Amino acid sequence: MQPIRITYNQACELLSIKRNTLRELTINDPSFPKAYKAGTTRQSPVYFDYAQLIEWHKNQMQSLTHSKMEA
């Protein structure tokens, strides 16, 4: 089964973050899902796998909930 591709803007909307925050996550967070380009040119659109984003977000929420319980 092929992954569901979502655009950069759709990923921002899904995660309720700004484009700059998404860019920083892709650079600085090794656990964040990798983006992939739909072509080889510089202007090729960038996509994320929907299922990977949902899984990452779920793990982030669990980790926040867990750390709040410990405090």
Protein backbone atom coordinates (compact mmCIF):
# COMPACT_ATOMS: atom_id res chain seq x y z
CA MET A 1 0.00 0.00 0.00
CA GLN A 2 1.29 3.44 -0.93
CA PRO A 3 1.67 6.06 1.79
CA ILE A 4 -0.74 8.98 1.92
CA ARG A 5 1.26 12.02 0.92
CA ILE A 6 0.55 15.39 2.46
CA THR A 7 2.15 18.67 1.50
CA TYR A 8 4.27 20.92 3.67
CA ASN A 9 1.31 23.24 4.25
CA GLN A 10 -1.01 20.34 5.07
CA ALA A 11 1.55 19.02 7.57
CA CYS A 12 1.66 22.45 9.23
CA GLU A 13 -2.12 22.50 9.46
CA LEU A 14 -2.30 18.93 10.77
CA LEU A 15 0.24 19.63 13.53
CA SER A 16 -1.03 23.19 14.19
CA ILE A 17 2.40 24.72 13.67
CA LYS A 18 3.94 27.35 11.41
CA ARG A 19 6.14 26.60 8.39
CA ASN A 20 9.27 27.76 10.20
CA THR A 21 8.55 25.44 13.13
CA LEU A 22 8.09 22.52 10.73
CA ARG A 23 11.37 23.38 9.01
CA GLU A 24 13.16 23.47 12.37
CA LEU A 25 11.66 20.11 13.34
CA THR A 26 12.90 18.53 10.10
CA ILE A 27 16.39 19.88 10.77
CA ASN A 28 16.75 19.45 14.54
CA ASP A 29 14.54 16.52 15.59
CA PRO A 30 15.95 13.15 14.49
CA SER A 31 12.70 11.41 15.47
CA PHE A 32 10.64 13.62 13.12
CA PRO A 33 9.55 11.85 9.90
CA LYS A 34 11.71 12.61 6.89
CA ALA A 35 10.25 14.65 4.06
CA TYR A 36 10.63 13.44 0.51
CA LYS A 37 10.62 15.27 -2.80
CA ALA A 38 8.36 14.30 -5.66
CA GLY A 39 11.07 15.07 -8.22
CA THR A 40 14.68 15.99 -8.67
CA THR A 41 14.41 19.71 -9.38
CA ARG A 42 14.79 22.38 -6.76
CA GLN A 43 11.14 23.39 -7.16
CA SER A 44 9.79 19.86 -6.72
CA PRO A 45 7.12 19.68 -4.02
CA VAL A 46 8.01 18.22 -0.64
CA TYR A 47 5.72 15.65 0.95
CA PHE A 48 5.40 13.87 4.26
CA ASP A 49 3.88 10.46 4.96
CA TYR A 50 0.60 11.06 6.80
CA ALA A 51 0.84 7.88 8.92
CA GLN A 52 4.39 8.71 10.04
CA LEU A 53 3.34 12.23 11.06
CA ILE A 54 0.38 10.92 13.05
CA GLU A 55 2.60 8.33 14.79
CA TRP A 56 5.24 10.97 15.62
CA HIS A 57 2.57 13.35 16.97
CA LYS A 58 1.02 10.58 19.08
CA ASN A 59 4.44 9.73 20.56
CA GLN A 60 5.08 13.41 21.33
CA MET A 61 1.75 13.73 23.13
CA GLN A 62 2.41 10.54 25.15
CA SER A 63 5.85 11.76 26.11
CA LEU A 64 4.44 15.13 27.24
CA THR A 65 1.69 13.43 29.23
CA HIS A 66 4.20 11.05 30.82
CA SER A 67 6.58 13.86 31.82
CA LYS A 68 3.72 15.90 33.32
CA MET A 69 2.68 12.90 35.43
CA GLU A 70 6.22 12.56 36.81
CA ALA A 71 6.43 16.24 37.81
